[in-house]
Amino acid sequence: CLATDAAGYANLSESLGPAELRELLNRYYALLFAEVEQRGGIVSDVVGDAMLALWPGPGPDPALRRAACSAALAIAAATARPGEPAALPTRIGVDCGPVALGDVGAGGHYEFRAVGDIVNTAARVEALNKPLGTRVLVTAATLAGLDGFDARPLGRFILPGKTTPVAICELRPDGADRSSTAAFAAALADLHAGRVAAAAAGFAALADADGPARFYADLCGRVAAGTAALVDGDAVRVAAG
């Protein structure tokens, strides 16, 4: 299950008339739909500037997870392409698991929907991009057993409305700057080991150029001040909004 959201859409909608906004959204979704459909996915739902896409199958299938991750990277690239008139910075979240597919509704209004925890989780993983300053986040379960992807582990998070921590990775395109990967991993290990001061210094050294490092540098400050704490030693609770 892949969820997307266009960053800054609310501000954009204030500056365009309804007809212009409709045209822009149609061009924008043409980019997204093409990447999903080329990789065997189906577009399940569109609400405003958000899309939900699915790769359904009769059971667990690594090929479906690979296709969803490839689509996520392709969407991120297409919506950041220089000169693309419909390019809107897009945040993407991916999760995998069981769903029920069918009509949902009542009375005279039904819609074909996917229902299951992964639908909610994918949307919350997408939203996690905002505080982390990232574009493509996937659950570690989605990447399990898949090779060929550049995925940076970012830790475990308790997402809004959830109770169980979820391991999250940043999916990065070919050519992304990886110079800080080892230093980030070392700082994260320090934080999980309770070495908050060392972790804070490590994240601070990377914060100027790295969104997750900025997030964790701020978290370390709050942990040191006693206004935040990790859950079960390493999980970060994420506030709604």
C-alpha atoms as a PDB file:
ATOM      1  CA  CYS A   1       0.000   0.000   0.000  1.00  0.00           C
ATOM      2  CA  LEU A   2       1.490   3.336  -1.110  1.00  0.00           C
ATOM      3  CA  ALA A   3       0.194   6.683   0.176  1.00  0.00           C
ATOM      4  CA  THR A   4       1.172  10.098  -1.185  1.00  0.00           C
ATOM      5  CA  ASP A   5       0.592  13.714  -0.248  1.00  0.00           C
ATOM      6  CA  ALA A   6       1.633  16.898  -2.058  1.00  0.00           C
ATOM      7  CA  ALA A   7       3.594  19.263   0.169  1.00  0.00           C
ATOM      8  CA  GLY A   8       2.356  22.852   0.198  1.00  0.00           C
ATOM      9  CA  TYR A   9      -0.922  22.075  -1.547  1.00  0.00           C
ATOM     10  CA  ALA A  10      -3.000  24.197   0.828  1.00  0.00           C
ATOM     11  CA  ASN A  11      -0.959  27.302   0.027  1.00  0.00           C
ATOM     12  CA  LEU A  12      -1.093  26.502  -3.671  1.00  0.00           C
ATOM     13  CA  SER A  13      -4.887  26.168  -3.625  1.00  0.00           C
ATOM     14  CA  GLU A  14      -5.143  29.689  -2.213  1.00  0.00           C
ATOM     15  CA  SER A  15      -3.186  31.161  -5.120  1.00  0.00           C
ATOM     16  CA  LEU A  16      -5.026  29.409  -7.984  1.00  0.00           C
ATOM     17  CA  GLY A  17      -8.599  29.536  -9.158  1.00  0.00           C
ATOM     18  CA  PRO A  18     -10.650  26.305  -9.117  1.00  0.00           C
ATOM     19  CA  ALA A  19     -10.246  25.692 -12.866  1.00  0.00           C
ATOM     20  CA  GLU A  20      -6.471  26.230 -12.757  1.00  0.00           C
ATOM     21  CA  LEU A  21      -6.175  24.009  -9.698  1.00  0.00           C
ATOM     22  CA  ARG A  22      -8.169  21.267 -11.377  1.00  0.00           C
ATOM     23  CA  GLU A  23      -5.896  21.368 -14.427  1.00  0.00           C
ATOM     24  CA  LEU A  24      -2.790  21.216 -12.256  1.00  0.00           C
ATOM     25  CA  LEU A  25      -4.116  18.275 -10.249  1.00  0.00           C
ATOM     26  CA  ASN A  26      -5.006  16.389 -13.422  1.00  0.00           C
ATOM     27  CA  ARG A  27      -1.458  16.821 -14.753  1.00  0.00           C
ATOM     28  CA  TYR A  28      -0.009  15.932 -11.343  1.00  0.00           C
ATOM     29  CA  TYR A  29      -2.043  12.756 -11.035  1.00  0.00           C
ATOM     30  CA  ALA A  30      -1.163  11.773 -14.590  1.00  0.00           C
ATOM     31  CA  LEU A  31       2.462  11.586 -13.397  1.00  0.00           C
ATOM     32  CA  LEU A  32       1.586   9.504 -10.332  1.00  0.00           C
ATOM     33  CA  PHE A  33      -0.878   7.159 -12.021  1.00  0.00           C
ATOM     34  CA  ALA A  34       1.574   6.345 -14.810  1.00  0.00           C
ATOM     35  CA  GLU A  35       4.279   5.228 -12.360  1.00  0.00           C
ATOM     36  CA  VAL A  36       1.812   3.088 -10.389  1.00  0.00           C
ATOM     37  CA  GLU A  37       0.212   1.440 -13.411  1.00  0.00           C
ATOM     38  CA  GLN A  38       3.527   0.759 -15.174  1.00  0.00           C
ATOM     39  CA  ARG A  39       4.497  -1.342 -12.151  1.00  0.00           C
ATOM     40  CA  GLY A  40       1.275  -3.333 -11.909  1.00  0.00           C
ATOM     41  CA  GLY A  41      -0.394  -1.295  -9.168  1.00  0.00           C
ATOM     42  CA  ILE A  42      -3.914   0.066  -9.018  1.00  0.00           C
ATOM     43  CA  VAL A  43      -5.017   3.488  -7.838  1.00  0.00           C
ATOM     44  CA  SER A  44      -7.497   2.849  -5.047  1.00  0.00           C
ATOM     45  CA  ASP A  45      -8.411   6.346  -3.947  1.00  0.00           C
ATOM     46  CA  VAL A  46      -7.775  10.027  -4.568  1.00  0.00           C
ATOM     47  CA  VAL A  47      -8.788  12.719  -2.089  1.00  0.00           C
ATOM     48  CA  GLY A  48      -7.669  16.269  -2.799  1.00  0.00           C
ATOM     49  CA  ASP A  49      -3.904  16.073  -3.233  1.00  0.00           C
ATOM     50  CA  ALA A  50      -3.535  12.592  -1.705  1.00  0.00           C
ATOM     51  CA  MET A  51      -3.415   9.254  -3.508  1.00  0.00           C
ATOM     52  CA  LEU A  52      -3.631   5.666  -2.276  1.00  0.00           C
ATOM     53  CA  ALA A  53      -2.290   2.890  -4.515  1.00  0.00           C
ATOM     54  CA  LEU A  54      -2.309  -0.879  -4.000  1.00  0.00           C
ATOM     55  CA  TRP A  55      -0.440  -3.944  -5.212  1.00  0.00           C
ATOM     56  CA  PRO A  56      -2.889  -6.700  -4.225  1.00  0.00           C
ATOM     57  CA  GLY A  57      -2.193 -10.406  -4.382  1.00  0.00           C
ATOM     58  CA  PRO A  58      -3.546 -13.659  -2.941  1.00  0.00           C
ATOM     59  CA  GLY A  59      -0.718 -13.820  -0.397  1.00  0.00           C
ATOM     60  CA  PRO A  60       2.659 -12.364   0.589  1.00  0.00           C
ATOM     61  CA  ASP A  61       4.753 -11.734  -2.509  1.00  0.00           C
ATOM     62  CA  PRO A  62       8.153  -9.991  -2.537  1.00  0.00           C
ATOM     63  CA  ALA A  63       7.576  -8.972  -6.160  1.00  0.00           C
ATOM     64  CA  LEU A  64       4.622  -6.827  -5.115  1.00  0.00           C
ATOM     65  CA  ARG A  65       6.649  -5.122  -2.389  1.00  0.00           C
ATOM     66  CA  ARG A  66       9.465  -4.499  -4.858  1.00  0.00           C
ATOM     67  CA  ALA A  67       7.033  -2.977  -7.350  1.00  0.00           C
ATOM     68  CA  ALA A  68       5.586  -0.624  -4.715  1.00  0.00           C
ATOM     69  CA  CYS A  69       9.042   0.538  -3.616  1.00  0.00           C
ATOM     70  CA  SER A  70      10.101   1.082  -7.230  1.00  0.00           C
ATOM     71  CA  ALA A  71       6.946   3.108  -7.826  1.00  0.00           C
ATOM     72  CA  ALA A  72       7.657   5.219  -4.743  1.00  0.00           C
ATOM     73  CA  LEU A  73      11.107   6.144  -6.039  1.00  0.00           C
ATOM     74  CA  ALA A  74       9.755   6.815  -9.526  1.00  0.00           C
ATOM     75  CA  ILE A  75       7.013   9.096  -8.190  1.00  0.00           C
ATOM     76  CA  ALA A  76       9.531  11.009  -6.089  1.00  0.00           C
ATOM     77  CA  ALA A  77      11.723  11.501  -9.166  1.00  0.00           C
ATOM     78  CA  ALA A  78       8.860  12.454 -11.498  1.00  0.00           C
ATOM     79  CA  THR A  79       7.455  15.051  -9.117  1.00  0.00           C
ATOM     80  CA  ALA A  80      10.874  16.647  -8.603  1.00  0.00           C
ATOM     81  CA  ARG A  81      11.859  16.754 -12.280  1.00  0.00           C
ATOM     82  CA  PRO A  82      13.193  20.195 -13.282  1.00  0.00           C
ATOM     83  CA  GLY A  83      10.879  21.957 -15.703  1.00  0.00           C
ATOM     84  CA  GLU A  84       7.954  19.609 -15.076  1.00  0.00           C
ATOM     85  CA  PRO A  85       4.884  21.928 -14.948  1.00  0.00           C
ATOM     86  CA  ALA A  86       2.947  19.549 -12.714  1.00  0.00           C
ATOM     87  CA  ALA A  87       5.818  18.881 -10.328  1.00  0.00           C
ATOM     88  CA  LEU A  88       4.680  19.198  -6.718  1.00  0.00           C
ATOM     89  CA  PRO A  89       7.011  18.096  -3.908  1.00  0.00           C
ATOM     90  CA  THR A  90       5.482  14.785  -2.852  1.00  0.00           C
ATOM     91  CA  ARG A  91       5.795  12.796   0.366  1.00  0.00           C
ATOM     92  CA  ILE A  92       5.374   9.025   0.084  1.00  0.00           C
ATOM     93  CA  GLY A  93       4.812   6.215   2.583  1.00  0.00           C
ATOM     94  CA  VAL A  94       4.719   2.459   1.921  1.00  0.00           C
ATOM     95  CA  ASP A  95       3.622  -0.480   4.090  1.00  0.00           C
ATOM     96  CA  CYS A  96       2.663  -4.099   3.434  1.00  0.00           C
ATOM     97  CA  GLY A  97       0.283  -6.625   4.971  1.00  0.00           C
ATOM     98  CA  PRO A  98      -3.202  -8.096   4.680  1.00  0.00           C
ATOM     99  CA  VAL A  99      -6.166  -6.070   3.440  1.00  0.00           C
ATOM    100  CA  ALA A 100      -9.790  -6.721   2.569  1.00  0.00           C
ATOM    101  CA  LEU A 101     -10.927  -5.380  -0.797  1.00  0.00           C
ATOM    102  CA  GLY A 102     -14.587  -4.655  -1.429  1.00  0.00           C
ATOM    103  CA  ASP A 103     -17.451  -2.203  -1.328  1.00  0.00           C
ATOM    104  CA  VAL A 104     -17.653  -0.009   1.755  1.00  0.00           C
ATOM    105  CA  GLY A 105     -20.559   2.290   2.516  1.00  0.00           C
ATOM    106  CA  ALA A 106     -24.256   2.280   3.299  1.00  0.00           C
ATOM    107  CA  GLY A 107     -27.603   3.144   1.777  1.00  0.00           C
ATOM    108  CA  GLY A 108     -27.178   4.343  -1.781  1.00  0.00           C
ATOM    109  CA  HIS A 109     -23.462   5.142  -1.593  1.00  0.00           C
ATOM    110  CA  TYR A 110     -20.722   2.523  -1.749  1.00  0.00           C
ATOM    111  CA  GLU A 111     -17.092   2.796  -2.812  1.00  0.00           C
ATOM    112  CA  PHE A 112     -14.596   0.063  -3.622  1.00  0.00           C
ATOM    113  CA  ARG A 113     -11.992   0.297  -0.864  1.00  0.00           C
ATOM    114  CA  ALA A 114      -9.044  -1.425   0.741  1.00  0.00           C
ATOM    115  CA  VAL A 115      -9.594  -1.939   4.457  1.00  0.00           C
ATOM    116  CA  GLY A 116      -6.843  -2.954   6.840  1.00  0.00           C
ATOM    117  CA  ASP A 117      -4.192  -1.696   9.206  1.00  0.00           C
ATOM    118  CA  ILE A 118      -1.657  -1.173   6.412  1.00  0.00           C
ATOM    119  CA  VAL A 119      -3.863   1.490   4.829  1.00  0.00           C
ATOM    120  CA  ASN A 120      -3.715   3.547   8.025  1.00  0.00           C
ATOM    121  CA  THR A 121      -0.054   2.771   8.585  1.00  0.00           C
ATOM    122  CA  ALA A 122       0.990   3.766   5.056  1.00  0.00           C
ATOM    123  CA  ALA A 123      -0.763   7.119   5.506  1.00  0.00           C
ATOM    124  CA  ARG A 124       0.964   7.708   8.845  1.00  0.00           C
ATOM    125  CA  VAL A 125       4.339   6.680   7.434  1.00  0.00           C
ATOM    126  CA  GLU A 126       3.778   9.214   4.646  1.00  0.00           C
ATOM    127  CA  ALA A 127       3.012  11.916   7.232  1.00  0.00           C
ATOM    128  CA  LEU A 128       6.219  11.076   9.113  1.00  0.00           C
ATOM    129  CA  ASN A 129       8.159  12.505   6.164  1.00  0.00           C
ATOM    130  CA  LYS A 130       7.176  16.000   7.270  1.00  0.00           C
ATOM    131  CA  PRO A 131       8.922  16.084  10.675  1.00  0.00           C
ATOM    132  CA  LEU A 132      11.839  14.030   9.347  1.00  0.00           C
ATOM    133  CA  GLY A 133      12.370  16.206   6.281  1.00  0.00           C
ATOM    134  CA  THR A 134      12.354  13.191   3.964  1.00  0.00           C
ATOM    135  CA  ARG A 135      10.433  12.271   0.795  1.00  0.00           C
ATOM    136  CA  VAL A 136      10.104   8.460   0.724  1.00  0.00           C
ATOM    137  CA  LEU A 137       9.651   6.356   3.852  1.00  0.00           C
ATOM    138  CA  VAL A 138       8.864   2.643   3.982  1.00  0.00           C
ATOM    139  CA  THR A 139       8.387   0.182   6.805  1.00  0.00           C
ATOM    140  CA  ALA A 140      11.244  -2.244   7.353  1.00  0.00           C
ATOM    141  CA  ALA A 141       8.757  -5.088   6.834  1.00  0.00           C
ATOM    142  CA  THR A 142       8.175  -3.851   3.289  1.00  0.00           C
ATOM    143  CA  LEU A 143      11.900  -4.078   2.517  1.00  0.00           C
ATOM    144  CA  ALA A 144      12.503  -7.439   4.200  1.00  0.00           C
ATOM    145  CA  GLY A 145      14.385  -9.724   1.826  1.00  0.00           C
ATOM    146  CA  LEU A 146      14.563  -7.171  -0.994  1.00  0.00           C
ATOM    147  CA  ASP A 147      17.927  -6.197  -2.468  1.00  0.00           C
ATOM    148  CA  GLY A 148      18.844  -3.431  -4.868  1.00  0.00           C
ATOM    149  CA  PHE A 149      17.409  -0.558  -2.813  1.00  0.00           C
ATOM    150  CA  ASP A 150      19.347   2.079  -0.910  1.00  0.00           C
ATOM    151  CA  ALA A 151      17.480   2.129   2.383  1.00  0.00           C
ATOM    152  CA  ARG A 152      18.676   4.002   5.465  1.00  0.00           C
ATOM    153  CA  PRO A 153      17.249   2.739   8.803  1.00  0.00           C
ATOM    154  CA  LEU A 154      15.829   5.666  10.765  1.00  0.00           C
ATOM    155  CA  GLY A 155      14.716   3.863  13.910  1.00  0.00           C
ATOM    156  CA  ARG A 156      11.437   2.692  15.392  1.00  0.00           C
ATOM    157  CA  PHE A 157       8.453   5.006  15.696  1.00  0.00           C
ATOM    158  CA  ILE A 158       5.092   4.820  17.433  1.00  0.00           C
ATOM    159  CA  LEU A 159       2.928   6.542  14.850  1.00  0.00           C
ATOM    160  CA  PRO A 160      -0.122   8.647  15.788  1.00  0.00           C
ATOM    161  CA  GLY A 161      -3.030   6.488  16.875  1.00  0.00           C
ATOM    162  CA  LYS A 162      -0.851   3.356  17.038  1.00  0.00           C
ATOM    163  CA  THR A 163       0.502   1.393  19.996  1.00  0.00           C
ATOM    164  CA  THR A 164       3.121  -0.874  18.403  1.00  0.00           C
ATOM    165  CA  PRO A 165       6.468   0.590  17.245  1.00  0.00           C
ATOM    166  CA  VAL A 166       7.200   0.350  13.525  1.00  0.00           C
ATOM    167  CA  ALA A 167      10.725   0.232  12.109  1.00  0.00           C
ATOM    168  CA  ILE A 168      11.096   2.874   9.401  1.00  0.00           C
ATOM    169  CA  CYS A 169      13.617   3.266   6.588  1.00  0.00           C
ATOM    170  CA  GLU A 170      14.284   6.121   4.204  1.00  0.00           C
ATOM    171  CA  LEU A 171      14.319   4.945   0.597  1.00  0.00           C
ATOM    172  CA  ARG A 172      16.908   6.906  -1.382  1.00  0.00           C
ATOM    173  CA  PRO A 173      17.407   7.207  -5.148  1.00  0.00           C
ATOM    174  CA  ASP A 174      20.553   6.297  -7.030  1.00  0.00           C
ATOM    175  CA  GLY A 175      23.094   9.072  -6.718  1.00  0.00           C
ATOM    176  CA  ALA A 176      21.892  10.295  -3.335  1.00  0.00           C
ATOM    177  CA  ASP A 177      24.528  11.661  -0.962  1.00  0.00           C
ATOM    178  CA  ARG A 178      25.557   8.825   1.350  1.00  0.00           C
ATOM    179  CA  SER A 179      28.532  10.498   2.993  1.00  0.00           C
ATOM    180  CA  SER A 180      26.761  10.894   6.335  1.00  0.00           C
ATOM    181  CA  THR A 181      25.190   7.421   6.485  1.00  0.00           C
ATOM    182  CA  ALA A 182      27.749   5.868   8.830  1.00  0.00           C
ATOM    183  CA  ALA A 183      27.865   8.915  11.122  1.00  0.00           C
ATOM    184  CA  PHE A 184      24.056   8.968  11.359  1.00  0.00           C
ATOM    185  CA  ALA A 185      23.966   5.255  12.200  1.00  0.00           C
ATOM    186  CA  ALA A 186      26.591   5.765  14.909  1.00  0.00           C
ATOM    187  CA  ALA A 187      24.653   8.650  16.469  1.00  0.00           C
ATOM    188  CA  LEU A 188      21.440   6.603  16.395  1.00  0.00           C
ATOM    189  CA  ALA A 189      23.241   3.703  18.093  1.00  0.00           C
ATOM    190  CA  ASP A 190      24.485   6.100  20.786  1.00  0.00           C
ATOM    191  CA  LEU A 191      20.940   7.322  21.411  1.00  0.00           C
ATOM    192  CA  HIS A 192      19.553   3.798  21.655  1.00  0.00           C
ATOM    193  CA  ALA A 193      22.354   2.889  24.069  1.00  0.00           C
ATOM    194  CA  GLY A 194      21.490   5.814  26.326  1.00  0.00           C
ATOM    195  CA  ARG A 195      24.526   7.908  25.386  1.00  0.00           C
ATOM    196  CA  VAL A 196      22.404  10.986  24.795  1.00  0.00           C
ATOM    197  CA  ALA A 197      25.197  13.580  24.880  1.00  0.00           C
ATOM    198  CA  ALA A 198      27.258  11.659  22.315  1.00  0.00           C
ATOM    199  CA  ALA A 199      24.184  11.152  20.135  1.00  0.00           C
ATOM    200  CA  ALA A 200      23.304  14.848  20.326  1.00  0.00           C
ATOM    201  CA  ALA A 201      26.805  15.813  19.194  1.00  0.00           C
ATOM    202  CA  GLY A 202      26.713  13.314  16.346  1.00  0.00           C
ATOM    203  CA  PHE A 203      23.335  14.460  15.062  1.00  0.00           C
ATOM    204  CA  ALA A 204      24.219  18.143  15.475  1.00  0.00           C
ATOM    205  CA  ALA A 205      27.248  17.693  13.214  1.00  0.00           C
ATOM    206  CA  LEU A 206      24.946  16.433  10.442  1.00  0.00           C
ATOM    207  CA  ALA A 207      21.900  18.611  11.056  1.00  0.00           C
ATOM    208  CA  ASP A 208      22.650  21.339   8.517  1.00  0.00           C
ATOM    209  CA  ALA A 209      22.234  18.972   5.568  1.00  0.00           C
ATOM    210  CA  ASP A 210      20.118  16.117   6.882  1.00  0.00           C
ATOM    211  CA  GLY A 211      16.469  16.193   7.933  1.00  0.00           C
ATOM    212  CA  PRO A 212      16.427  13.064  10.115  1.00  0.00           C
ATOM    213  CA  ALA A 213      19.593  14.300  11.895  1.00  0.00           C
ATOM    214  CA  ARG A 214      17.836  17.606  12.665  1.00  0.00           C
ATOM    215  CA  PHE A 215      14.842  15.697  14.006  1.00  0.00           C
ATOM    216  CA  TYR A 216      17.011  13.565  16.273  1.00  0.00           C
ATOM    217  CA  ALA A 217      19.194  16.472  17.399  1.00  0.00           C
ATOM    218  CA  ASP A 218      16.039  18.211  18.637  1.00  0.00           C
ATOM    219  CA  LEU A 219      14.817  14.981  20.239  1.00  0.00           C
ATOM    220  CA  CYS A 220      18.132  14.531  22.061  1.00  0.00           C
ATOM    221  CA  GLY A 221      17.774  18.021  23.504  1.00  0.00           C
ATOM    222  CA  ARG A 222      14.312  17.213  24.786  1.00  0.00           C
ATOM    223  CA  VAL A 223      15.433  13.849  26.181  1.00  0.00           C
ATOM    224  CA  ALA A 224      18.314  15.566  28.009  1.00  0.00           C
ATOM    225  CA  ALA A 225      15.894  18.174  29.379  1.00  0.00           C
ATOM    226  CA  GLY A 226      13.493  15.499  30.561  1.00  0.00           C
ATOM    227  CA  THR A 227      10.641  16.641  28.306  1.00  0.00           C
ATOM    228  CA  ALA A 228      10.787  13.578  26.038  1.00  0.00           C
ATOM    229  CA  ALA A 229      11.700   9.919  26.415  1.00  0.00           C
ATOM    230  CA  LEU A 230      12.184   6.909  24.205  1.00  0.00           C
ATOM    231  CA  VAL A 231       9.692   4.066  24.573  1.00  0.00           C
ATOM    232  CA  ASP A 232      11.100   0.587  25.270  1.00  0.00           C
ATOM    233  CA  GLY A 233      14.585   2.065  25.022  1.00  0.00           C
ATOM    234  CA  ASP A 234      14.590   3.024  21.349  1.00  0.00           C
ATOM    235  CA  ALA A 235      11.127   3.879  19.978  1.00  0.00           C
ATOM    236  CA  VAL A 236      10.113   7.464  19.248  1.00  0.00           C
ATOM    237  CA  ARG A 237       6.514   8.461  19.890  1.00  0.00           C
ATOM    238  CA  VAL A 238       5.279  10.770  17.118  1.00  0.00           C
ATOM    239  CA  ALA A 239       2.687  13.416  17.939  1.00  0.00           C
ATOM    240  CA  ALA A 240      -0.302  13.850  15.644  1.00  0.00           C
ATOM    241  CA  GLY A 241       0.028  16.697  13.168  1.00  0.00           C
END
